[in-house]
Amino acid sequence: MNVDDIRYLFEYDRWATKRVLDALDGVPHEVWSRRDMIGELGLGGILVHHLGATQRWRHWIQQTGVRPAPEEEPLISVAEFESRWATEWDAYGAWIPAMSQGLLDEVHDGVAVWRMLAHVVNHGTQHRSEAAALHTEIDRSPGEIDMIFFAEGLAAQAVAPAD
């Protein structure tokens, strides 16, 4: 896996996550904060866990010594959640373009960094899917979030005539 592959995966991850977050607009607090929908978690808990895991992996790979755990806090509001995602995307946006093949090939605990980063995206897929199902149950589907739809959108942009 090379740096361009990782960039692509994280571009997809952001696109798909944004679709799920956009469906949160106007979600009542009782829906956001409900528990025991999928396992012990509800919509807010699932999405906050997704954010926390994404943050922890970045900090662990970057060896910052920080271990964010927003799922261990009282459930944050949708607005705070969206703000924290924006901050995390900014952090990944600064980090990924500067990433080297050497970093991707580094091995920590027997696992190459590129595999850890692929896991971050795959882990997000699981939780976006859970959240999308919960959104759909309340008539707020985020629409198609499969990677192929992201790829087709990029392809359409590449062949679209310039205005």
N, C-alpha and C. Protein backbone atom coordinates (compact mmCIF):
# COMPACT_ATOMS: atom_id res chain seq x y z
N MET A 1 0.86 -1.17 0.00
CA MET A 1 0.00 0.00 0.00
C MET A 1 0.91 1.23 0.00
N ASN A 2 0.54 2.21 -0.81
CA ASN A 2 1.36 3.40 -0.87
C ASN A 2 0.60 4.61 -0.33
N VAL A 3 1.29 5.73 -0.27
CA VAL A 3 0.73 6.95 0.31
C VAL A 3 -0.53 7.38 -0.44
N ASP A 4 -0.54 7.28 -1.77
CA ASP A 4 -1.73 7.66 -2.53
C ASP A 4 -2.92 6.77 -2.17
N ASP A 5 -2.68 5.48 -1.92
CA ASP A 5 -3.76 4.58 -1.52
C ASP A 5 -4.34 5.02 -0.16
N ILE A 6 -3.48 5.36 0.77
CA ILE A 6 -3.93 5.81 2.08
C ILE A 6 -4.72 7.11 1.95
N ARG A 7 -4.23 8.02 1.13
CA ARG A 7 -4.96 9.28 0.91
C ARG A 7 -6.36 8.98 0.38
N TYR A 8 -6.45 8.09 -0.59
CA TYR A 8 -7.75 7.72 -1.16
C TYR A 8 -8.67 7.16 -0.09
N LEU A 9 -8.16 6.23 0.70
CA LEU A 9 -8.99 5.64 1.75
C LEU A 9 -9.51 6.69 2.72
N PHE A 10 -8.67 7.64 3.09
CA PHE A 10 -9.11 8.66 4.04
C PHE A 10 -10.01 9.70 3.38
N GLU A 11 -9.85 9.93 2.09
CA GLU A 11 -10.80 10.80 1.39
C GLU A 11 -12.17 10.14 1.39
N TYR A 12 -12.21 8.84 1.11
CA TYR A 12 -13.47 8.11 1.17
C TYR A 12 -14.04 8.16 2.58
N ASP A 13 -13.21 7.90 3.57
CA ASP A 13 -13.65 7.87 4.96
C ASP A 13 -14.32 9.20 5.34
N ARG A 14 -13.70 10.28 4.95
CA ARG A 14 -14.26 11.60 5.26
C ARG A 14 -15.59 11.81 4.52
N TRP A 15 -15.63 11.46 3.24
CA TRP A 15 -16.84 11.62 2.43
C TRP A 15 -18.00 10.85 3.05
N ALA A 16 -17.76 9.57 3.37
CA ALA A 16 -18.82 8.74 3.92
C ALA A 16 -19.24 9.21 5.30
N THR A 17 -18.28 9.56 6.13
CA THR A 17 -18.61 10.04 7.47
C THR A 17 -19.40 11.34 7.39
N LYS A 18 -19.03 12.21 6.47
CA LYS A 18 -19.76 13.48 6.32
C LYS A 18 -21.21 13.21 5.92
N ARG A 19 -21.45 12.24 5.09
CA ARG A 19 -22.84 11.90 4.71
C ARG A 19 -23.64 11.48 5.94
N VAL A 20 -23.02 10.70 6.81
CA VAL A 20 -23.70 10.28 8.04
C VAL A 20 -23.92 11.47 8.96
N LEU A 21 -22.91 12.34 9.08
CA LEU A 21 -23.05 13.52 9.93
C LEU A 21 -24.10 14.48 9.39
N ASP A 22 -24.17 14.63 8.08
CA ASP A 22 -25.18 15.52 7.49
C ASP A 22 -26.59 15.07 7.84
N ALA A 23 -26.78 13.77 7.99
CA ALA A 23 -28.09 13.24 8.34
C ALA A 23 -28.45 13.53 9.80
N LEU A 24 -27.49 14.02 10.59
CA LEU A 24 -27.76 14.36 11.99
C LEU A 24 -28.49 15.70 12.13
N ASP A 25 -28.49 16.49 11.08
CA ASP A 25 -29.10 17.82 11.16
C ASP A 25 -30.55 17.71 11.62
N GLY A 26 -30.83 18.29 12.78
CA GLY A 26 -32.19 18.27 13.31
C GLY A 26 -32.58 17.02 14.07
N VAL A 27 -31.64 16.09 14.28
CA VAL A 27 -31.98 14.89 15.05
C VAL A 27 -32.27 15.31 16.49
N PRO A 28 -33.41 14.92 17.01
CA PRO A 28 -33.75 15.28 18.40
C PRO A 28 -32.76 14.67 19.39
N HIS A 29 -32.56 15.37 20.50
CA HIS A 29 -31.63 14.92 21.53
C HIS A 29 -31.99 13.51 22.02
N GLU A 30 -33.28 13.22 22.14
CA GLU A 30 -33.66 11.89 22.64
C GLU A 30 -33.26 10.79 21.68
N VAL A 31 -33.20 11.08 20.39
CA VAL A 31 -32.72 10.10 19.41
C VAL A 31 -31.21 9.98 19.49
N TRP A 32 -30.51 11.11 19.55
CA TRP A 32 -29.05 11.14 19.65
C TRP A 32 -28.57 10.41 20.90
N SER A 33 -29.25 10.61 22.00
CA SER A 33 -28.75 10.10 23.29
C SER A 33 -29.30 8.72 23.67
N ARG A 34 -30.20 8.19 22.88
CA ARG A 34 -30.78 6.88 23.21
C ARG A 34 -29.69 5.80 23.24
N ARG A 35 -29.86 4.84 24.11
CA ARG A 35 -28.90 3.74 24.26
C ARG A 35 -29.56 2.43 23.87
N ASP A 36 -28.75 1.38 23.89
CA ASP A 36 -29.23 0.01 23.68
C ASP A 36 -29.91 -0.21 22.34
N MET A 37 -29.42 0.43 21.32
CA MET A 37 -29.96 0.24 19.97
C MET A 37 -29.18 -0.86 19.24
N ILE A 38 -27.87 -0.77 19.32
CA ILE A 38 -26.97 -1.79 18.76
C ILE A 38 -26.01 -2.13 19.89
N GLY A 39 -26.18 -3.27 20.48
CA GLY A 39 -25.45 -3.58 21.70
C GLY A 39 -25.90 -2.60 22.78
N GLU A 40 -24.98 -2.04 23.49
CA GLU A 40 -25.31 -1.07 24.53
C GLU A 40 -25.44 0.35 23.98
N LEU A 41 -25.05 0.55 22.73
CA LEU A 41 -24.94 1.90 22.19
C LEU A 41 -26.14 2.28 21.34
N GLY A 42 -26.34 3.58 21.23
CA GLY A 42 -27.30 4.17 20.33
C GLY A 42 -26.56 5.01 19.31
N LEU A 43 -27.27 5.85 18.58
CA LEU A 43 -26.69 6.65 17.51
C LEU A 43 -25.51 7.49 17.99
N GLY A 44 -25.72 8.27 19.04
CA GLY A 44 -24.64 9.12 19.55
C GLY A 44 -23.46 8.31 20.05
N GLY A 45 -23.72 7.27 20.80
CA GLY A 45 -22.64 6.45 21.35
C GLY A 45 -21.81 5.80 20.27
N ILE A 46 -22.48 5.30 19.23
CA ILE A 46 -21.76 4.66 18.12
C ILE A 46 -20.86 5.66 17.42
N LEU A 47 -21.42 6.82 17.11
CA LEU A 47 -20.64 7.81 16.35
C LEU A 47 -19.52 8.43 17.19
N VAL A 48 -19.76 8.63 18.47
CA VAL A 48 -18.70 9.15 19.33
C VAL A 48 -17.58 8.12 19.47
N HIS A 49 -17.93 6.85 19.55
CA HIS A 49 -16.90 5.80 19.58
C HIS A 49 -16.08 5.83 18.29
N HIS A 50 -16.74 5.95 17.15
CA HIS A 50 -16.02 6.03 15.87
C HIS A 50 -15.02 7.18 15.89
N LEU A 51 -15.46 8.34 16.34
CA LEU A 51 -14.56 9.49 16.45
C LEU A 51 -13.40 9.18 17.39
N GLY A 52 -13.70 8.66 18.56
CA GLY A 52 -12.65 8.39 19.55
C GLY A 52 -11.61 7.41 19.04
N ALA A 53 -12.07 6.35 18.38
CA ALA A 53 -11.13 5.37 17.85
C ALA A 53 -10.24 5.99 16.78
N THR A 54 -10.83 6.81 15.92
CA THR A 54 -10.05 7.48 14.88
C THR A 54 -9.00 8.39 15.51
N GLN A 55 -9.39 9.12 16.53
CA GLN A 55 -8.44 9.99 17.23
C GLN A 55 -7.32 9.18 17.88
N ARG A 56 -7.69 8.11 18.57
CA ARG A 56 -6.68 7.32 19.28
C ARG A 56 -5.65 6.71 18.33
N TRP A 57 -6.10 6.18 17.20
CA TRP A 57 -5.15 5.59 16.26
C TRP A 57 -4.17 6.63 15.74
N ARG A 58 -4.67 7.81 15.39
CA ARG A 58 -3.76 8.86 14.90
C ARG A 58 -2.74 9.22 15.97
N HIS A 59 -3.21 9.45 17.18
CA HIS A 59 -2.29 9.82 18.26
C HIS A 59 -1.30 8.70 18.55
N TRP A 60 -1.76 7.45 18.49
CA TRP A 60 -0.86 6.33 18.78
C TRP A 60 0.22 6.23 17.70
N ILE A 61 -0.19 6.30 16.44
CA ILE A 61 0.80 6.21 15.35
C ILE A 61 1.75 7.39 15.39
N GLN A 62 1.25 8.58 15.67
CA GLN A 62 2.10 9.76 15.75
C GLN A 62 2.90 9.82 17.05
N GLN A 63 2.60 8.93 17.97
CA GLN A 63 3.29 8.84 19.26
C GLN A 63 3.26 10.17 20.02
N THR A 64 2.04 10.73 20.12
CA THR A 64 1.89 12.01 20.82
C THR A 64 1.79 11.85 22.33
N GLY A 65 1.45 10.64 22.78
CA GLY A 65 1.25 10.42 24.20
C GLY A 65 -0.16 10.80 24.66
N VAL A 66 -0.98 11.29 23.75
CA VAL A 66 -2.36 11.67 24.06
C VAL A 66 -3.25 10.47 23.74
N ARG A 67 -4.27 10.26 24.56
CA ARG A 67 -5.22 9.17 24.32
C ARG A 67 -6.64 9.69 24.49
N PRO A 68 -7.17 10.33 23.44
CA PRO A 68 -8.54 10.83 23.54
C PRO A 68 -9.53 9.69 23.74
N ALA A 69 -10.54 9.92 24.55
CA ALA A 69 -11.56 8.91 24.78
C ALA A 69 -12.91 9.60 25.00
N PRO A 70 -13.44 10.22 23.95
CA PRO A 70 -14.70 10.95 24.13
C PRO A 70 -15.86 10.05 24.55
N GLU A 71 -15.78 8.75 24.26
CA GLU A 71 -16.85 7.86 24.67
C GLU A 71 -16.85 7.59 26.17
N GLU A 72 -15.78 8.01 26.86
CA GLU A 72 -15.73 7.87 28.31
C GLU A 72 -16.26 9.11 29.01
N GLU A 73 -16.55 10.16 28.25
CA GLU A 73 -17.14 11.40 28.77
C GLU A 73 -18.66 11.26 28.76
N PRO A 74 -19.35 12.15 29.45
CA PRO A 74 -20.81 12.21 29.22
C PRO A 74 -21.03 12.48 27.72
N LEU A 75 -22.11 11.95 27.17
CA LEU A 75 -22.36 12.08 25.74
C LEU A 75 -22.37 13.55 25.34
N ILE A 76 -21.51 13.89 24.38
CA ILE A 76 -21.43 15.26 23.90
C ILE A 76 -22.60 15.55 22.96
N SER A 77 -22.87 16.83 22.75
CA SER A 77 -23.96 17.23 21.85
C SER A 77 -23.58 16.96 20.40
N VAL A 78 -24.57 16.96 19.53
CA VAL A 78 -24.32 16.79 18.10
C VAL A 78 -23.38 17.90 17.62
N ALA A 79 -23.62 19.14 18.05
CA ALA A 79 -22.78 20.27 17.61
C ALA A 79 -21.33 20.08 18.06
N GLU A 80 -21.13 19.65 19.29
CA GLU A 80 -19.77 19.41 19.79
C GLU A 80 -19.13 18.25 19.03
N PHE A 81 -19.91 17.22 18.78
CA PHE A 81 -19.43 16.08 18.02
C PHE A 81 -18.95 16.51 16.64
N GLU A 82 -19.76 17.29 15.94
CA GLU A 82 -19.38 17.77 14.61
C GLU A 82 -18.14 18.65 14.68
N SER A 83 -18.02 19.46 15.71
CA SER A 83 -16.84 20.31 15.88
C SER A 83 -15.58 19.47 16.10
N ARG A 84 -15.70 18.43 16.90
CA ARG A 84 -14.54 17.57 17.15
C ARG A 84 -14.15 16.80 15.89
N TRP A 85 -15.13 16.39 15.08
CA TRP A 85 -14.78 15.73 13.81
C TRP A 85 -14.04 16.71 12.90
N ALA A 86 -14.50 17.94 12.85
CA ALA A 86 -13.83 18.94 12.01
C ALA A 86 -12.38 19.11 12.44
N THR A 87 -12.14 19.14 13.73
CA THR A 87 -10.78 19.26 14.25
C THR A 87 -9.96 18.02 13.88
N GLU A 88 -10.57 16.84 13.98
CA GLU A 88 -9.85 15.61 13.65
C GLU A 88 -9.54 15.55 12.16
N TRP A 89 -10.49 15.95 11.32
CA TRP A 89 -10.22 15.97 9.88
C TRP A 89 -9.11 16.96 9.53
N ASP A 90 -9.07 18.08 10.24
CA ASP A 90 -7.97 19.02 10.02
C ASP A 90 -6.63 18.37 10.37
N ALA A 91 -6.61 17.62 11.47
CA ALA A 91 -5.37 16.95 11.89
C ALA A 91 -4.94 15.91 10.87
N TYR A 92 -5.88 15.09 10.39
CA TYR A 92 -5.54 14.11 9.35
C TYR A 92 -5.18 14.82 8.05
N GLY A 93 -5.86 15.92 7.75
CA GLY A 93 -5.58 16.67 6.54
C GLY A 93 -4.18 17.24 6.50
N ALA A 94 -3.65 17.57 7.67
CA ALA A 94 -2.27 18.06 7.75
C ALA A 94 -1.27 16.91 7.75
N TRP A 95 -1.66 15.79 8.33
CA TRP A 95 -0.74 14.67 8.51
C TRP A 95 -0.60 13.82 7.26
N ILE A 96 -1.69 13.44 6.64
CA ILE A 96 -1.64 12.48 5.54
C ILE A 96 -0.84 12.99 4.33
N PRO A 97 -0.99 14.25 3.90
CA PRO A 97 -0.19 14.70 2.76
C PRO A 97 1.32 14.67 3.03
N ALA A 98 1.69 14.79 4.29
CA ALA A 98 3.11 14.78 4.65
C ALA A 98 3.63 13.38 4.95
N MET A 99 2.75 12.39 4.89
CA MET A 99 3.10 11.01 5.22
C MET A 99 4.08 10.44 4.20
N SER A 100 5.01 9.66 4.66
CA SER A 100 6.00 9.05 3.77
C SER A 100 5.75 7.54 3.66
N GLN A 101 6.30 6.97 2.60
CA GLN A 101 6.22 5.52 2.45
C GLN A 101 6.95 4.84 3.60
N GLY A 102 8.02 5.48 4.07
CA GLY A 102 8.75 4.92 5.21
C GLY A 102 7.87 4.76 6.44
N LEU A 103 7.03 5.76 6.71
CA LEU A 103 6.12 5.65 7.85
C LEU A 103 5.13 4.52 7.63
N LEU A 104 4.56 4.44 6.43
CA LEU A 104 3.57 3.39 6.16
C LEU A 104 4.16 2.00 6.34
N ASP A 105 5.42 1.85 6.02
CA ASP A 105 6.08 0.55 6.11
C ASP A 105 6.61 0.24 7.51
N GLU A 106 6.62 1.23 8.42
CA GLU A 106 7.05 0.96 9.79
C GLU A 106 6.17 -0.10 10.41
N VAL A 107 6.73 -0.87 11.32
CA VAL A 107 5.99 -1.93 11.99
C VAL A 107 5.97 -1.64 13.48
N HIS A 108 4.78 -1.65 14.05
CA HIS A 108 4.58 -1.47 15.49
C HIS A 108 3.79 -2.68 15.98
N ASP A 109 4.26 -3.29 17.02
CA ASP A 109 3.58 -4.47 17.58
C ASP A 109 3.30 -5.51 16.51
N GLY A 110 4.22 -5.64 15.54
CA GLY A 110 4.10 -6.66 14.51
C GLY A 110 3.19 -6.29 13.34
N VAL A 111 2.66 -5.07 13.33
CA VAL A 111 1.71 -4.65 12.29
C VAL A 111 2.23 -3.40 11.59
N ALA A 112 2.24 -3.42 10.27
CA ALA A 112 2.68 -2.26 9.50
C ALA A 112 1.68 -1.11 9.69
N VAL A 113 2.20 0.11 9.70
CA VAL A 113 1.35 1.29 9.89
C VAL A 113 0.27 1.36 8.81
N TRP A 114 0.60 0.99 7.57
CA TRP A 114 -0.43 1.08 6.53
C TRP A 114 -1.61 0.18 6.86
N ARG A 115 -1.36 -0.95 7.49
CA ARG A 115 -2.46 -1.85 7.87
C ARG A 115 -3.28 -1.24 9.01
N MET A 116 -2.62 -0.55 9.91
CA MET A 116 -3.34 0.13 10.98
C MET A 116 -4.26 1.20 10.40
N LEU A 117 -3.73 1.95 9.44
CA LEU A 117 -4.54 3.02 8.84
C LEU A 117 -5.70 2.44 8.02
N ALA A 118 -5.47 1.34 7.33
CA ALA A 118 -6.56 0.69 6.62
C ALA A 118 -7.62 0.22 7.62
N HIS A 119 -7.17 -0.25 8.78
CA HIS A 119 -8.10 -0.64 9.83
C HIS A 119 -8.96 0.53 10.30
N VAL A 120 -8.35 1.70 10.44
CA VAL A 120 -9.10 2.88 10.89
C VAL A 120 -10.29 3.13 9.96
N VAL A 121 -10.04 3.08 8.66
CA VAL A 121 -11.12 3.29 7.69
C VAL A 121 -12.14 2.17 7.76
N ASN A 122 -11.68 0.93 7.84
CA ASN A 122 -12.59 -0.20 7.91
C ASN A 122 -13.43 -0.16 9.18
N HIS A 123 -12.82 0.19 10.28
CA HIS A 123 -13.54 0.33 11.55
C HIS A 123 -14.63 1.38 11.40
N GLY A 124 -14.31 2.49 10.75
CA GLY A 124 -15.31 3.52 10.51
C GLY A 124 -16.46 3.01 9.67
N THR A 125 -16.16 2.14 8.71
CA THR A 125 -17.21 1.58 7.86
C THR A 125 -18.24 0.83 8.70
N GLN A 126 -17.76 0.05 9.64
CA GLN A 126 -18.69 -0.68 10.51
C GLN A 126 -19.62 0.28 11.23
N HIS A 127 -19.06 1.30 11.86
CA HIS A 127 -19.88 2.19 12.68
C HIS A 127 -20.72 3.14 11.85
N ARG A 128 -20.24 3.55 10.69
CA ARG A 128 -21.09 4.35 9.79
C ARG A 128 -22.29 3.53 9.35
N SER A 129 -22.07 2.25 9.08
CA SER A 129 -23.18 1.38 8.67
C SER A 129 -24.20 1.23 9.77
N GLU A 130 -23.74 1.05 10.99
CA GLU A 130 -24.67 0.97 12.12
C GLU A 130 -25.47 2.27 12.25
N ALA A 131 -24.76 3.39 12.17
CA ALA A 131 -25.43 4.69 12.28
C ALA A 131 -26.39 4.91 11.11
N ALA A 132 -26.00 4.50 9.91
CA ALA A 132 -26.87 4.66 8.74
C ALA A 132 -28.15 3.86 8.92
N ALA A 133 -28.04 2.67 9.48
CA ALA A 133 -29.23 1.86 9.72
C ALA A 133 -30.16 2.55 10.72
N LEU A 134 -29.58 3.11 11.78
CA LEU A 134 -30.40 3.83 12.77
C LEU A 134 -31.02 5.07 12.15
N HIS A 135 -30.25 5.78 11.33
CA HIS A 135 -30.80 6.95 10.62
C HIS A 135 -31.98 6.54 9.74
N THR A 136 -31.81 5.45 9.03
CA THR A 136 -32.84 4.99 8.09
C THR A 136 -34.12 4.64 8.83
N GLU A 137 -33.99 4.06 10.02
CA GLU A 137 -35.17 3.72 10.82
C GLU A 137 -36.01 4.95 11.15
N ILE A 138 -35.40 6.13 11.20
CA ILE A 138 -36.14 7.35 11.52
C ILE A 138 -36.27 8.25 10.28
N ASP A 139 -36.23 7.64 9.11
CA ASP A 139 -36.41 8.35 7.83
C ASP A 139 -35.38 9.45 7.61
N ARG A 140 -34.12 9.19 7.97
CA ARG A 140 -33.03 10.14 7.77
C ARG A 140 -31.83 9.44 7.14
N SER A 141 -32.07 8.59 6.19
CA SER A 141 -30.98 7.84 5.57
C SER A 141 -29.91 8.78 5.03
N PRO A 142 -28.65 8.45 5.24
CA PRO A 142 -27.58 9.27 4.66
C PRO A 142 -27.36 8.98 3.18
N GLY A 143 -28.13 8.06 2.63
CA GLY A 143 -27.94 7.67 1.23
C GLY A 143 -26.83 6.64 1.11
N GLU A 144 -26.38 6.44 -0.10
CA GLU A 144 -25.35 5.44 -0.36
C GLU A 144 -24.01 5.89 0.21
N ILE A 145 -23.38 5.00 0.99
CA ILE A 145 -22.08 5.33 1.58
C ILE A 145 -21.02 4.30 1.23
N ASP A 146 -21.33 3.39 0.31
CA ASP A 146 -20.33 2.41 -0.13
C ASP A 146 -19.21 3.10 -0.89
N MET A 147 -18.02 2.54 -0.79
CA MET A 147 -16.85 3.13 -1.44
C MET A 147 -17.02 3.26 -2.95
N ILE A 148 -17.75 2.34 -3.58
CA ILE A 148 -17.90 2.41 -5.03
C ILE A 148 -18.63 3.69 -5.44
N PHE A 149 -19.56 4.17 -4.64
CA PHE A 149 -20.26 5.41 -4.96
C PHE A 149 -19.32 6.61 -4.86
N PHE A 150 -18.41 6.56 -3.91
CA PHE A 150 -17.38 7.59 -3.80
C PHE A 150 -16.50 7.55 -5.04
N ALA A 151 -16.05 6.36 -5.44
CA ALA A 151 -15.19 6.21 -6.62
C ALA A 151 -15.90 6.68 -7.88
N GLU A 152 -17.17 6.32 -8.03
CA GLU A 152 -17.92 6.76 -9.21
C GLU A 152 -18.08 8.27 -9.23
N GLY A 153 -18.26 8.87 -8.06
CA GLY A 153 -18.35 10.33 -7.98
C GLY A 153 -17.05 11.00 -8.42
N LEU A 154 -15.93 10.44 -7.99
CA LEU A 154 -14.63 10.98 -8.42
C LEU A 154 -14.46 10.84 -9.93
N ALA A 155 -14.86 9.68 -10.47
CA ALA A 155 -14.74 9.45 -11.91
C ALA A 155 -15.61 10.43 -12.69
N ALA A 156 -16.81 10.68 -12.20
CA ALA A 156 -17.72 11.62 -12.87
C ALA A 156 -17.14 13.04 -12.86
N GLN A 157 -16.50 13.41 -11.75
CA GLN A 157 -15.87 14.74 -11.66
C GLN A 157 -14.72 14.86 -12.65
N ALA A 158 -14.00 13.76 -12.83
CA ALA A 158 -12.83 13.78 -13.71
C ALA A 158 -13.23 13.96 -15.18
N VAL A 159 -14.42 13.50 -15.56
CA VAL A 159 -14.85 13.61 -16.96
C VAL A 159 -15.85 14.72 -17.19
N ALA A 160 -16.29 15.38 -16.14
CA ALA A 160 -17.28 16.46 -16.27
C ALA A 160 -16.65 17.65 -16.98
N PRO A 161 -17.36 18.24 -17.91
CA PRO A 161 -16.82 19.43 -18.58
C PRO A 161 -16.70 20.61 -17.62
N ALA A 162 -15.68 21.40 -17.80
CA ALA A 162 -15.47 22.57 -16.97
C ALA A 162 -16.50 23.64 -17.34
N ASP A 163 -16.96 24.37 -16.36
CA ASP A 163 -17.93 25.45 -16.62
C ASP A 163 -17.25 26.67 -17.19
